[in-house]
Amino acid sequence: MIELEGLTKRYGEKVAVNNLTFTVRPGIVTGFLGPNGAGKSTTMRMMLGLDRPTAGDVRIDGKHYDQLKDPFTYIGALLDAKAMHGGRSAFNHLLCLAQSNGIPKKRVHEVLDTVGLTAVAKKKAKGFSLGMGQRLGIAGALLGDPRILMFDEPVNGLDPEGIHWIRNLMKSLAAQGRTVFVSSHLMSEMALTADHLVVIGQGRLLADTSMADFIAQNSRSYVRIRSPHRERLLDVLHSAGITAVETGNGTLEVDGTKPEYIGELAAQYQIVLHELSPQQASLEEAFMQLTAESVEYHAHADTPLEQPQWGDGWKGN
């Protein structure tokens, strides 16, 4: 379990993390979301004792990180997949970590097999692709068989098979009763992986809730209907006190009514339906809605680019 209480970090006048209080619990995958510059990386660094809080407290299983007797067995982390000696082989990189933390050599072979790098264990890390580097970083996080796992952007550089693998790995670790805390900008993947969400913006806590509740609270849910008897359907819905909005192409949208009830009404009046589907926003849409006022860096796609002014002597290729 990871517990944050009033965690704050200032850099001069800049408040990177502002009074964060939340708990990352075992047995579930907790997603950590926020726009660029929201303070996610700073928060994770403070959890690991890499940055000292200006105020507040963070505890790992009830202790500060520097109080853990064998930290690798408590918490394994992937914050930067490039944080390794490129001249060492994958095996020797992990062996150095193992030897410096009192972990048996056989564990190196086990984690290499887990992440799928056994075949390249003797190759130097500097020759690894981004995805292979991610796998090696994850192997390092797993090395101490820790009860808490923390991953920052773990799917960077992974191919579809690798993304599927890390998703199942995180779910499996949580199912074993471990605490799994993962930060990612890939919303579609987070929606498939996380059970619970912690969302921050400009260093402040915006949400600490289940995935389902987060989407429900920050998006619109409605029922979409299509029928060749649209006018009759509108009359029936109106008589039942249901407001339907026409959205073009013969489609109607209804808020606040269950699709089962609409289907029963249509059947009662023998109205054929070509579509009756509940609609709910994606995690990405709900996230954008909640964090709209917390985005620090805005791009403007409609800003025209200035045309280059070529000299008289310029010749195109």
C-alpha atoms as a PDB file:
ATOM      1  CA  MET A   1       0.000   0.000   0.000  1.00  0.00           C
ATOM      2  CA  ILE A   2       1.164   3.530  -0.795  1.00  0.00           C
ATOM      3  CA  GLU A   3      -0.225   6.362   1.348  1.00  0.00           C
ATOM      4  CA  LEU A   4       0.132  10.065   0.546  1.00  0.00           C
ATOM      5  CA  GLU A   5      -0.846  12.701   3.089  1.00  0.00           C
ATOM      6  CA  GLY A   6      -0.749  16.378   2.104  1.00  0.00           C
ATOM      7  CA  LEU A   7       2.207  15.740  -0.230  1.00  0.00           C
ATOM      8  CA  THR A   8       3.585  19.011  -1.597  1.00  0.00           C
ATOM      9  CA  LYS A   9       6.625  19.905  -3.682  1.00  0.00           C
ATOM     10  CA  ARG A  10       7.765  23.430  -4.529  1.00  0.00           C
ATOM     11  CA  TYR A  11      10.557  24.529  -6.849  1.00  0.00           C
ATOM     12  CA  GLY A  12      10.997  28.165  -5.912  1.00  0.00           C
ATOM     13  CA  GLU A  13       7.634  29.813  -6.573  1.00  0.00           C
ATOM     14  CA  LYS A  14       6.479  26.899  -8.741  1.00  0.00           C
ATOM     15  CA  VAL A  15       4.181  24.410  -6.952  1.00  0.00           C
ATOM     16  CA  ALA A  16       4.667  21.115  -8.786  1.00  0.00           C
ATOM     17  CA  VAL A  17       2.619  19.006  -6.364  1.00  0.00           C
ATOM     18  CA  ASN A  18      -0.032  20.629  -4.209  1.00  0.00           C
ATOM     19  CA  ASN A  19      -1.330  18.910  -1.044  1.00  0.00           C
ATOM     20  CA  LEU A  20      -1.965  15.471  -2.543  1.00  0.00           C
ATOM     21  CA  THR A  21      -3.737  12.956  -0.322  1.00  0.00           C
ATOM     22  CA  PHE A  22      -4.719   9.513  -1.618  1.00  0.00           C
ATOM     23  CA  THR A  23      -4.056   5.812  -1.032  1.00  0.00           C
ATOM     24  CA  VAL A  24      -2.959   3.227  -3.600  1.00  0.00           C
ATOM     25  CA  ARG A  25      -4.462  -0.055  -2.406  1.00  0.00           C
ATOM     26  CA  PRO A  26      -3.435  -3.669  -3.045  1.00  0.00           C
ATOM     27  CA  GLY A  27      -5.372  -6.092  -5.214  1.00  0.00           C
ATOM     28  CA  ILE A  28      -6.264  -3.642  -7.989  1.00  0.00           C
ATOM     29  CA  VAL A  29      -4.513  -1.737 -10.781  1.00  0.00           C
ATOM     30  CA  THR A  30      -4.585   1.988  -9.994  1.00  0.00           C
ATOM     31  CA  GLY A  31      -4.101   4.319 -12.952  1.00  0.00           C
ATOM     32  CA  PHE A  32      -2.376   7.672 -12.424  1.00  0.00           C
ATOM     33  CA  LEU A  33      -3.495  10.284 -14.952  1.00  0.00           C
ATOM     34  CA  GLY A  34      -2.896  13.950 -15.591  1.00  0.00           C
ATOM     35  CA  PRO A  35      -1.948  16.359 -18.399  1.00  0.00           C
ATOM     36  CA  ASN A  36       1.695  17.098 -19.175  1.00  0.00           C
ATOM     37  CA  GLY A  37       3.186  19.096 -16.328  1.00  0.00           C
ATOM     38  CA  ALA A  38       0.532  17.947 -13.855  1.00  0.00           C
ATOM     39  CA  GLY A  39       3.126  16.649 -11.378  1.00  0.00           C
ATOM     40  CA  LYS A  40       2.863  12.886 -11.952  1.00  0.00           C
ATOM     41  CA  SER A  41       6.576  12.185 -12.328  1.00  0.00           C
ATOM     42  CA  THR A  42       7.449  14.404  -9.362  1.00  0.00           C
ATOM     43  CA  THR A  43       4.890  12.567  -7.239  1.00  0.00           C
ATOM     44  CA  MET A  44       6.297   9.180  -8.211  1.00  0.00           C
ATOM     45  CA  ARG A  45       9.851  10.324  -7.507  1.00  0.00           C
ATOM     46  CA  MET A  46       8.799  11.444  -4.011  1.00  0.00           C
ATOM     47  CA  MET A  47       7.201   8.052  -3.412  1.00  0.00           C
ATOM     48  CA  LEU A  48      10.605   6.473  -4.052  1.00  0.00           C
ATOM     49  CA  GLY A  49      12.573   8.971  -1.989  1.00  0.00           C
ATOM     50  CA  LEU A  50      14.270  10.418  -5.093  1.00  0.00           C
ATOM     51  CA  ASP A  51      12.842  13.879  -4.348  1.00  0.00           C
ATOM     52  CA  ARG A  52      12.216  15.252  -0.858  1.00  0.00           C
ATOM     53  CA  PRO A  53       8.731  16.719  -0.248  1.00  0.00           C
ATOM     54  CA  THR A  54       8.438  20.373   0.725  1.00  0.00           C
ATOM     55  CA  ALA A  55       5.561  19.336   2.973  1.00  0.00           C
ATOM     56  CA  GLY A  56       3.416  16.288   3.660  1.00  0.00           C
ATOM     57  CA  ASP A  57       4.266  12.637   3.855  1.00  0.00           C
ATOM     58  CA  VAL A  58       4.370   9.480   1.730  1.00  0.00           C
ATOM     59  CA  ARG A  59       4.665   5.970   3.156  1.00  0.00           C
ATOM     60  CA  ILE A  60       5.302   2.565   1.608  1.00  0.00           C
ATOM     61  CA  ASP A  61       3.602  -0.129   3.689  1.00  0.00           C
ATOM     62  CA  GLY A  62       3.628   2.287   6.603  1.00  0.00           C
ATOM     63  CA  LYS A  63       7.273   3.356   6.284  1.00  0.00           C
ATOM     64  CA  HIS A  64       9.239   6.036   4.493  1.00  0.00           C
ATOM     65  CA  TYR A  65      11.196   4.632   1.563  1.00  0.00           C
ATOM     66  CA  ASP A  66      14.557   5.197   3.288  1.00  0.00           C
ATOM     67  CA  GLN A  67      13.305   3.159   6.277  1.00  0.00           C
ATOM     68  CA  LEU A  68      12.719   0.013   4.221  1.00  0.00           C
ATOM     69  CA  LYS A  69      15.265  -2.646   5.116  1.00  0.00           C
ATOM     70  CA  ASP A  70      15.123  -4.391   1.713  1.00  0.00           C
ATOM     71  CA  PRO A  71      13.432  -1.854  -0.600  1.00  0.00           C
ATOM     72  CA  PHE A  72      13.589  -4.085  -3.693  1.00  0.00           C
ATOM     73  CA  THR A  73      11.339  -6.611  -1.944  1.00  0.00           C
ATOM     74  CA  TYR A  74       8.848  -3.900  -1.003  1.00  0.00           C
ATOM     75  CA  ILE A  75       8.563  -1.839  -4.161  1.00  0.00           C
ATOM     76  CA  GLY A  76       9.765  -2.270  -7.731  1.00  0.00           C
ATOM     77  CA  ALA A  77       9.646   0.697 -10.074  1.00  0.00           C
ATOM     78  CA  LEU A  78      10.099   1.583 -13.725  1.00  0.00           C
ATOM     79  CA  LEU A  79      10.462   5.363 -14.037  1.00  0.00           C
ATOM     80  CA  ASP A  80      12.972   5.612 -16.879  1.00  0.00           C
ATOM     81  CA  ALA A  81      13.712   2.636 -19.128  1.00  0.00           C
ATOM     82  CA  LYS A  82      16.950   4.309 -20.289  1.00  0.00           C
ATOM     83  CA  ALA A  83      18.399   4.377 -16.758  1.00  0.00           C
ATOM     84  CA  MET A  84      20.899   1.573 -17.333  1.00  0.00           C
ATOM     85  CA  HIS A  85      24.531   1.087 -18.342  1.00  0.00           C
ATOM     86  CA  GLY A  86      24.407   0.624 -22.104  1.00  0.00           C
ATOM     87  CA  GLY A  87      27.693  -1.267 -22.164  1.00  0.00           C
ATOM     88  CA  ARG A  88      26.365  -4.063 -19.981  1.00  0.00           C
ATOM     89  CA  SER A  89      24.397  -7.022 -21.255  1.00  0.00           C
ATOM     90  CA  ALA A  90      20.802  -7.398 -20.143  1.00  0.00           C
ATOM     91  CA  PHE A  91      21.865 -10.251 -17.864  1.00  0.00           C
ATOM     92  CA  ASN A  92      24.733  -8.322 -16.267  1.00  0.00           C
ATOM     93  CA  HIS A  93      22.573  -5.229 -15.768  1.00  0.00           C
ATOM     94  CA  LEU A  94      20.101  -7.278 -13.763  1.00  0.00           C
ATOM     95  CA  LEU A  95      22.850  -9.241 -12.027  1.00  0.00           C
ATOM     96  CA  CYS A  96      24.385  -5.999 -10.708  1.00  0.00           C
ATOM     97  CA  LEU A  97      21.003  -4.979  -9.325  1.00  0.00           C
ATOM     98  CA  ALA A  98      20.515  -8.405  -7.797  1.00  0.00           C
ATOM     99  CA  GLN A  99      23.955  -8.595  -6.155  1.00  0.00           C
ATOM    100  CA  SER A 100      23.688  -5.080  -4.692  1.00  0.00           C
ATOM    101  CA  ASN A 101      20.325  -5.954  -3.138  1.00  0.00           C
ATOM    102  CA  GLY A 102      21.017  -9.457  -1.856  1.00  0.00           C
ATOM    103  CA  ILE A 103      18.859 -11.170  -4.486  1.00  0.00           C
ATOM    104  CA  PRO A 104      19.887 -14.657  -5.693  1.00  0.00           C
ATOM    105  CA  LYS A 105      21.275 -15.042  -9.226  1.00  0.00           C
ATOM    106  CA  LYS A 106      18.546 -17.468 -10.249  1.00  0.00           C
ATOM    107  CA  ARG A 107      16.031 -14.645  -9.969  1.00  0.00           C
ATOM    108  CA  VAL A 108      17.770 -12.870 -12.878  1.00  0.00           C
ATOM    109  CA  HIS A 109      17.011 -15.834 -15.145  1.00  0.00           C
ATOM    110  CA  GLU A 110      13.403 -15.894 -13.932  1.00  0.00           C
ATOM    111  CA  VAL A 111      12.642 -12.255 -14.695  1.00  0.00           C
ATOM    112  CA  LEU A 112      14.403 -12.391 -18.067  1.00  0.00           C
ATOM    113  CA  ASP A 113      12.106 -15.270 -18.967  1.00  0.00           C
ATOM    114  CA  THR A 114       9.060 -13.390 -17.632  1.00  0.00           C
ATOM    115  CA  VAL A 115       9.689 -10.365 -19.856  1.00  0.00           C
ATOM    116  CA  GLY A 116      10.737 -12.404 -22.902  1.00  0.00           C
ATOM    117  CA  LEU A 117      14.409 -11.363 -23.080  1.00  0.00           C
ATOM    118  CA  THR A 118      16.120 -14.698 -22.431  1.00  0.00           C
ATOM    119  CA  ALA A 119      17.208 -14.999 -26.080  1.00  0.00           C
ATOM    120  CA  VAL A 120      19.003 -11.631 -25.960  1.00  0.00           C
ATOM    121  CA  ALA A 121      20.244 -11.810 -22.361  1.00  0.00           C
ATOM    122  CA  LYS A 122      23.904 -11.580 -23.446  1.00  0.00           C
ATOM    123  CA  LYS A 123      23.406  -8.618 -25.774  1.00  0.00           C
ATOM    124  CA  LYS A 124      24.398  -5.118 -24.677  1.00  0.00           C
ATOM    125  CA  ALA A 125      21.541  -2.889 -23.614  1.00  0.00           C
ATOM    126  CA  LYS A 126      22.708  -0.005 -25.830  1.00  0.00           C
ATOM    127  CA  GLY A 127      21.685  -2.055 -28.866  1.00  0.00           C
ATOM    128  CA  PHE A 128      18.153  -2.605 -27.600  1.00  0.00           C
ATOM    129  CA  SER A 129      15.117  -1.058 -29.227  1.00  0.00           C
ATOM    130  CA  LEU A 130      12.858   1.175 -27.133  1.00  0.00           C
ATOM    131  CA  GLY A 131      10.467  -1.723 -26.572  1.00  0.00           C
ATOM    132  CA  MET A 132      13.250  -4.095 -25.501  1.00  0.00           C
ATOM    133  CA  GLY A 133      14.538  -1.417 -23.128  1.00  0.00           C
ATOM    134  CA  GLN A 134      11.068  -1.190 -21.604  1.00  0.00           C
ATOM    135  CA  ARG A 135      11.012  -4.942 -21.061  1.00  0.00           C
ATOM    136  CA  LEU A 136      14.427  -4.803 -19.384  1.00  0.00           C
ATOM    137  CA  GLY A 137      13.242  -1.968 -17.132  1.00  0.00           C
ATOM    138  CA  ILE A 138      10.176  -4.008 -16.171  1.00  0.00           C
ATOM    139  CA  ALA A 139      12.451  -6.985 -15.425  1.00  0.00           C
ATOM    140  CA  GLY A 140      14.384  -4.752 -13.030  1.00  0.00           C
ATOM    141  CA  ALA A 141      11.166  -3.717 -11.305  1.00  0.00           C
ATOM    142  CA  LEU A 142      10.174  -7.376 -10.850  1.00  0.00           C
ATOM    143  CA  LEU A 143      13.615  -8.500  -9.680  1.00  0.00           C
ATOM    144  CA  GLY A 144      12.933  -8.402  -5.931  1.00  0.00           C
ATOM    145  CA  ASP A 145       9.511 -10.065  -6.313  1.00  0.00           C
ATOM    146  CA  PRO A 146       8.052  -6.928  -4.655  1.00  0.00           C
ATOM    147  CA  ARG A 147       4.602  -6.534  -3.148  1.00  0.00           C
ATOM    148  CA  ILE A 148       4.257  -3.064  -4.743  1.00  0.00           C
ATOM    149  CA  LEU A 149       4.873  -2.250  -8.430  1.00  0.00           C
ATOM    150  CA  MET A 150       5.098   1.244  -9.891  1.00  0.00           C
ATOM    151  CA  PHE A 151       5.285   1.826 -13.644  1.00  0.00           C
ATOM    152  CA  ASP A 152       5.634   5.155 -15.464  1.00  0.00           C
ATOM    153  CA  GLU A 153       4.550   4.866 -19.125  1.00  0.00           C
ATOM    154  CA  PRO A 154       5.285   1.098 -19.290  1.00  0.00           C
ATOM    155  CA  VAL A 155       3.915   0.591 -22.824  1.00  0.00           C
ATOM    156  CA  ASN A 156       6.235   3.119 -24.524  1.00  0.00           C
ATOM    157  CA  GLY A 157       7.832   1.488 -27.549  1.00  0.00           C
ATOM    158  CA  LEU A 158       6.029  -1.836 -27.156  1.00  0.00           C
ATOM    159  CA  ASP A 159       4.377  -3.493 -30.142  1.00  0.00           C
ATOM    160  CA  PRO A 160       0.750  -4.736 -29.899  1.00  0.00           C
ATOM    161  CA  GLU A 161       1.861  -8.103 -28.519  1.00  0.00           C
ATOM    162  CA  GLY A 162       3.998  -6.341 -25.913  1.00  0.00           C
ATOM    163  CA  ILE A 163       1.170  -4.029 -24.903  1.00  0.00           C
ATOM    164  CA  HIS A 164      -1.143  -7.012 -24.498  1.00  0.00           C
ATOM    165  CA  TRP A 165       1.538  -8.751 -22.413  1.00  0.00           C
ATOM    166  CA  ILE A 166       2.149  -5.843 -20.003  1.00  0.00           C
ATOM    167  CA  ARG A 167      -1.598  -5.336 -19.585  1.00  0.00           C
ATOM    168  CA  ASN A 168      -2.067  -8.963 -18.558  1.00  0.00           C
ATOM    169  CA  LEU A 169       1.057  -8.836 -16.376  1.00  0.00           C
ATOM    170  CA  MET A 170      -0.269  -5.875 -14.379  1.00  0.00           C
ATOM    171  CA  LYS A 171      -3.672  -7.516 -13.956  1.00  0.00           C
ATOM    172  CA  SER A 172      -2.003 -10.753 -12.865  1.00  0.00           C
ATOM    173  CA  LEU A 173       0.155  -8.938 -10.298  1.00  0.00           C
ATOM    174  CA  ALA A 174      -2.912  -7.189  -8.880  1.00  0.00           C
ATOM    175  CA  ALA A 175      -4.817 -10.500  -8.767  1.00  0.00           C
ATOM    176  CA  GLN A 176      -2.006 -11.865  -6.587  1.00  0.00           C
ATOM    177  CA  GLY A 177      -2.829  -9.164  -4.032  1.00  0.00           C
ATOM    178  CA  ARG A 178      -0.008  -6.795  -4.961  1.00  0.00           C
ATOM    179  CA  THR A 179      -0.293  -3.031  -5.233  1.00  0.00           C
ATOM    180  CA  VAL A 180       0.035  -1.868  -8.858  1.00  0.00           C
ATOM    181  CA  PHE A 181       0.358   1.846  -9.656  1.00  0.00           C
ATOM    182  CA  VAL A 182       0.728   2.846 -13.317  1.00  0.00           C
ATOM    183  CA  SER A 183       0.990   6.187 -15.082  1.00  0.00           C
ATOM    184  CA  SER A 184       0.215   6.414 -18.790  1.00  0.00           C
ATOM    185  CA  HIS A 185      -0.939   8.850 -21.474  1.00  0.00           C
ATOM    186  CA  LEU A 186      -2.399   6.007 -23.561  1.00  0.00           C
ATOM    187  CA  MET A 187      -6.052   6.326 -22.523  1.00  0.00           C
ATOM    188  CA  SER A 188      -7.365   3.405 -24.551  1.00  0.00           C
ATOM    189  CA  GLU A 189      -4.895   1.092 -22.818  1.00  0.00           C
ATOM    190  CA  MET A 190      -5.564   2.534 -19.367  1.00  0.00           C
ATOM    191  CA  ALA A 191      -9.283   1.939 -19.894  1.00  0.00           C
ATOM    192  CA  LEU A 192      -8.548  -1.773 -20.448  1.00  0.00           C
ATOM    193  CA  THR A 193      -6.112  -2.096 -17.547  1.00  0.00           C
ATOM    194  CA  ALA A 194      -6.985   0.091 -14.549  1.00  0.00           C
ATOM    195  CA  ASP A 195      -9.699  -0.623 -11.987  1.00  0.00           C
ATOM    196  CA  HIS A 196      -9.258   2.640 -10.088  1.00  0.00           C
ATOM    197  CA  LEU A 197      -8.090   6.105 -11.151  1.00  0.00           C
ATOM    198  CA  VAL A 198      -6.206   8.915  -9.472  1.00  0.00           C
ATOM    199  CA  VAL A 199      -6.276  12.057 -11.623  1.00  0.00           C
ATOM    200  CA  ILE A 200      -4.287  15.214 -10.937  1.00  0.00           C
ATOM    201  CA  GLY A 201      -4.053  18.585 -12.674  1.00  0.00           C
ATOM    202  CA  GLN A 202      -1.559  21.358 -11.939  1.00  0.00           C
ATOM    203  CA  GLY A 203      -0.406  19.351  -8.948  1.00  0.00           C
ATOM    204  CA  ARG A 204      -3.869  19.088  -7.361  1.00  0.00           C
ATOM    205  CA  LEU A 205      -6.055  16.031  -6.900  1.00  0.00           C
ATOM    206  CA  LEU A 206      -9.000  16.076  -9.330  1.00  0.00           C
ATOM    207  CA  ALA A 207     -10.388  12.566  -8.885  1.00  0.00           C
ATOM    208  CA  ASP A 208      -9.836   9.439  -6.796  1.00  0.00           C
ATOM    209  CA  THR A 209     -12.483   6.947  -7.860  1.00  0.00           C
ATOM    210  CA  SER A 210     -13.274   3.751  -9.754  1.00  0.00           C
ATOM    211  CA  MET A 211     -12.916   3.668 -13.535  1.00  0.00           C
ATOM    212  CA  ALA A 212     -16.692   3.234 -14.008  1.00  0.00           C
ATOM    213  CA  ASP A 213     -17.594   6.092 -11.659  1.00  0.00           C
ATOM    214  CA  PHE A 214     -15.006   8.394 -13.221  1.00  0.00           C
ATOM    215  CA  ILE A 215     -16.472   7.988 -16.697  1.00  0.00           C
ATOM    216  CA  ALA A 216     -20.059   8.256 -15.421  1.00  0.00           C
ATOM    217  CA  GLN A 217     -19.333  11.434 -13.448  1.00  0.00           C
ATOM    218  CA  ASN A 218     -17.407  13.214 -16.193  1.00  0.00           C
ATOM    219  CA  SER A 219     -19.330  12.375 -19.334  1.00  0.00           C
ATOM    220  CA  ARG A 220     -22.769  12.218 -20.843  1.00  0.00           C
ATOM    221  CA  SER A 221     -24.649   8.928 -21.168  1.00  0.00           C
ATOM    222  CA  TYR A 222     -27.549   8.589 -23.586  1.00  0.00           C
ATOM    223  CA  VAL A 223     -29.468   6.147 -25.773  1.00  0.00           C
ATOM    224  CA  ARG A 224     -29.250   6.317 -29.565  1.00  0.00           C
ATOM    225  CA  ILE A 225     -32.320   5.186 -31.541  1.00  0.00           C
ATOM    226  CA  ARG A 226     -33.044   4.703 -35.242  1.00  0.00           C
ATOM    227  CA  SER A 227     -36.384   3.625 -36.672  1.00  0.00           C
ATOM    228  CA  PRO A 228     -38.099   3.707 -40.074  1.00  0.00           C
ATOM    229  CA  HIS A 229     -41.167   4.950 -38.135  1.00  0.00           C
ATOM    230  CA  ARG A 230     -39.449   7.943 -36.609  1.00  0.00           C
ATOM    231  CA  GLU A 231     -42.512  10.215 -36.373  1.00  0.00           C
ATOM    232  CA  ARG A 232     -44.628   7.562 -34.659  1.00  0.00           C
ATOM    233  CA  LEU A 233     -41.751   6.811 -32.296  1.00  0.00           C
ATOM    234  CA  LEU A 234     -41.410  10.497 -31.413  1.00  0.00           C
ATOM    235  CA  ASP A 235     -45.116  10.664 -30.580  1.00  0.00           C
ATOM    236  CA  VAL A 236     -44.933   7.556 -28.365  1.00  0.00           C
ATOM    237  CA  LEU A 237     -41.863   8.860 -26.540  1.00  0.00           C
ATOM    238  CA  HIS A 238     -43.484  12.263 -26.046  1.00  0.00           C
ATOM    239  CA  SER A 239     -46.647  10.644 -24.637  1.00  0.00           C
ATOM    240  CA  ALA A 240     -44.448   8.759 -22.156  1.00  0.00           C
ATOM    241  CA  GLY A 241     -42.781  11.979 -21.038  1.00  0.00           C
ATOM    242  CA  ILE A 242     -39.506  11.190 -22.777  1.00  0.00           C
ATOM    243  CA  THR A 243     -37.678  13.928 -24.661  1.00  0.00           C
ATOM    244  CA  ALA A 244     -35.882  12.790 -27.801  1.00  0.00           C
ATOM    245  CA  VAL A 245     -33.470  15.006 -29.732  1.00  0.00           C
ATOM    246  CA  GLU A 246     -33.132  14.617 -33.501  1.00  0.00           C
ATOM    247  CA  THR A 247     -29.454  14.567 -34.532  1.00  0.00           C
ATOM    248  CA  GLY A 248     -29.712  14.011 -38.288  1.00  0.00           C
ATOM    249  CA  ASN A 249     -29.742  10.912 -40.527  1.00  0.00           C
ATOM    250  CA  GLY A 250     -32.940   9.788 -38.801  1.00  0.00           C
ATOM    251  CA  THR A 251     -31.174   9.281 -35.461  1.00  0.00           C
ATOM    252  CA  LEU A 252     -32.688  10.197 -32.099  1.00  0.00           C
ATOM    253  CA  GLU A 253     -30.899  10.656 -28.782  1.00  0.00           C
ATOM    254  CA  VAL A 254     -32.533  10.243 -25.376  1.00  0.00           C
ATOM    255  CA  ASP A 255     -31.019  11.180 -22.005  1.00  0.00           C
ATOM    256  CA  GLY A 256     -32.016   9.755 -18.638  1.00  0.00           C
ATOM    257  CA  THR A 257     -34.005   6.739 -19.831  1.00  0.00           C
ATOM    258  CA  LYS A 258     -32.969   3.095 -19.868  1.00  0.00           C
ATOM    259  CA  PRO A 259     -32.830   1.449 -23.305  1.00  0.00           C
ATOM    260  CA  GLU A 260     -34.898  -1.489 -21.994  1.00  0.00           C
ATOM    261  CA  TYR A 261     -37.839   0.812 -21.302  1.00  0.00           C
ATOM    262  CA  ILE A 262     -37.609   2.409 -24.751  1.00  0.00           C
ATOM    263  CA  GLY A 263     -37.511  -1.033 -26.354  1.00  0.00           C
ATOM    264  CA  GLU A 264     -40.593  -2.130 -24.413  1.00  0.00           C
ATOM    265  CA  LEU A 265     -42.474   1.001 -25.516  1.00  0.00           C
ATOM    266  CA  ALA A 266     -41.552   0.397 -29.148  1.00  0.00           C
ATOM    267  CA  ALA A 267     -42.675  -3.231 -28.922  1.00  0.00           C
ATOM    268  CA  GLN A 268     -45.955  -2.240 -27.261  1.00  0.00           C
ATOM    269  CA  TYR A 269     -46.789   0.032 -30.213  1.00  0.00           C
ATOM    270  CA  GLN A 270     -45.297  -2.338 -32.821  1.00  0.00           C
ATOM    271  CA  ILE A 271     -42.637   0.137 -33.884  1.00  0.00           C
ATOM    272  CA  VAL A 272     -39.639  -1.383 -35.660  1.00  0.00           C
ATOM    273  CA  LEU A 273     -36.260  -0.286 -34.345  1.00  0.00           C
ATOM    274  CA  HIS A 274     -33.091  -0.470 -36.410  1.00  0.00           C
ATOM    275  CA  GLU A 275     -30.906   0.685 -33.534  1.00  0.00           C
ATOM    276  CA  LEU A 276     -31.299   0.923 -29.774  1.00  0.00           C
ATOM    277  CA  SER A 277     -27.887   1.396 -28.222  1.00  0.00           C
ATOM    278  CA  PRO A 278     -26.666   2.915 -24.952  1.00  0.00           C
ATOM    279  CA  GLN A 279     -23.817   5.367 -25.512  1.00  0.00           C
ATOM    280  CA  GLN A 280     -21.179   6.443 -23.012  1.00  0.00           C
ATOM    281  CA  ALA A 281     -18.064   8.542 -23.407  1.00  0.00           C
ATOM    282  CA  SER A 282     -14.650   6.922 -23.538  1.00  0.00           C
ATOM    283  CA  LEU A 283     -12.091   7.370 -20.778  1.00  0.00           C
ATOM    284  CA  GLU A 284     -10.277   9.835 -23.032  1.00  0.00           C
ATOM    285  CA  GLU A 285     -13.390  12.003 -23.449  1.00  0.00           C
ATOM    286  CA  ALA A 286     -14.111  11.940 -19.717  1.00  0.00           C
ATOM    287  CA  PHE A 287     -10.474  12.774 -18.944  1.00  0.00           C
ATOM    288  CA  MET A 288     -10.482  15.709 -21.380  1.00  0.00           C
ATOM    289  CA  GLN A 289     -13.704  17.007 -19.832  1.00  0.00           C
ATOM    290  CA  LEU A 290     -12.323  16.898 -16.280  1.00  0.00           C
ATOM    291  CA  THR A 291      -8.862  18.281 -17.013  1.00  0.00           C
ATOM    292  CA  ALA A 292      -9.802  20.959 -19.588  1.00  0.00           C
ATOM    293  CA  GLU A 293      -8.957  23.795 -17.186  1.00  0.00           C
ATOM    294  CA  SER A 294      -5.793  22.105 -15.881  1.00  0.00           C
ATOM    295  CA  VAL A 295      -3.910  21.751 -19.170  1.00  0.00           C
ATOM    296  CA  GLU A 296      -0.718  23.768 -19.002  1.00  0.00           C
ATOM    297  CA  TYR A 297       0.462  23.407 -22.604  1.00  0.00           C
ATOM    298  CA  HIS A 298      -2.090  24.163 -25.328  1.00  0.00           C
ATOM    299  CA  ALA A 299      -1.486  23.498 -29.016  1.00  0.00           C
ATOM    300  CA  HIS A 300      -3.586  25.255 -31.650  1.00  0.00           C
ATOM    301  CA  ALA A 301      -4.074  23.178 -34.783  1.00  0.00           C
ATOM    302  CA  ASP A 302      -5.826  26.021 -36.599  1.00  0.00           C
ATOM    303  CA  THR A 303      -2.889  28.445 -36.263  1.00  0.00           C
ATOM    304  CA  PRO A 304      -1.593  29.110 -39.792  1.00  0.00           C
ATOM    305  CA  LEU A 305       2.083  28.456 -40.409  1.00  0.00           C
ATOM    306  CA  GLU A 306       4.111  31.307 -41.814  1.00  0.00           C
ATOM    307  CA  GLN A 307       5.278  30.560 -45.333  1.00  0.00           C
ATOM    308  CA  PRO A 308       9.066  30.559 -45.759  1.00  0.00           C
ATOM    309  CA  GLN A 309      10.514  33.428 -47.763  1.00  0.00           C
ATOM    310  CA  TRP A 310      13.061  32.009 -50.141  1.00  0.00           C
ATOM    311  CA  GLY A 311      15.825  34.146 -51.583  1.00  0.00           C
ATOM    312  CA  ASP A 312      16.056  34.741 -55.349  1.00  0.00           C
ATOM    313  CA  GLY A 313      18.921  32.331 -55.580  1.00  0.00           C
ATOM    314  CA  TRP A 314      17.110  29.394 -53.959  1.00  0.00           C
ATOM    315  CA  LYS A 315      16.497  26.378 -56.160  1.00  0.00           C
ATOM    316  CA  GLY A 316      14.129  23.569 -55.284  1.00  0.00           C
ATOM    317  CA  ASN A 317      15.169  19.927 -55.488  1.00  0.00           C
END
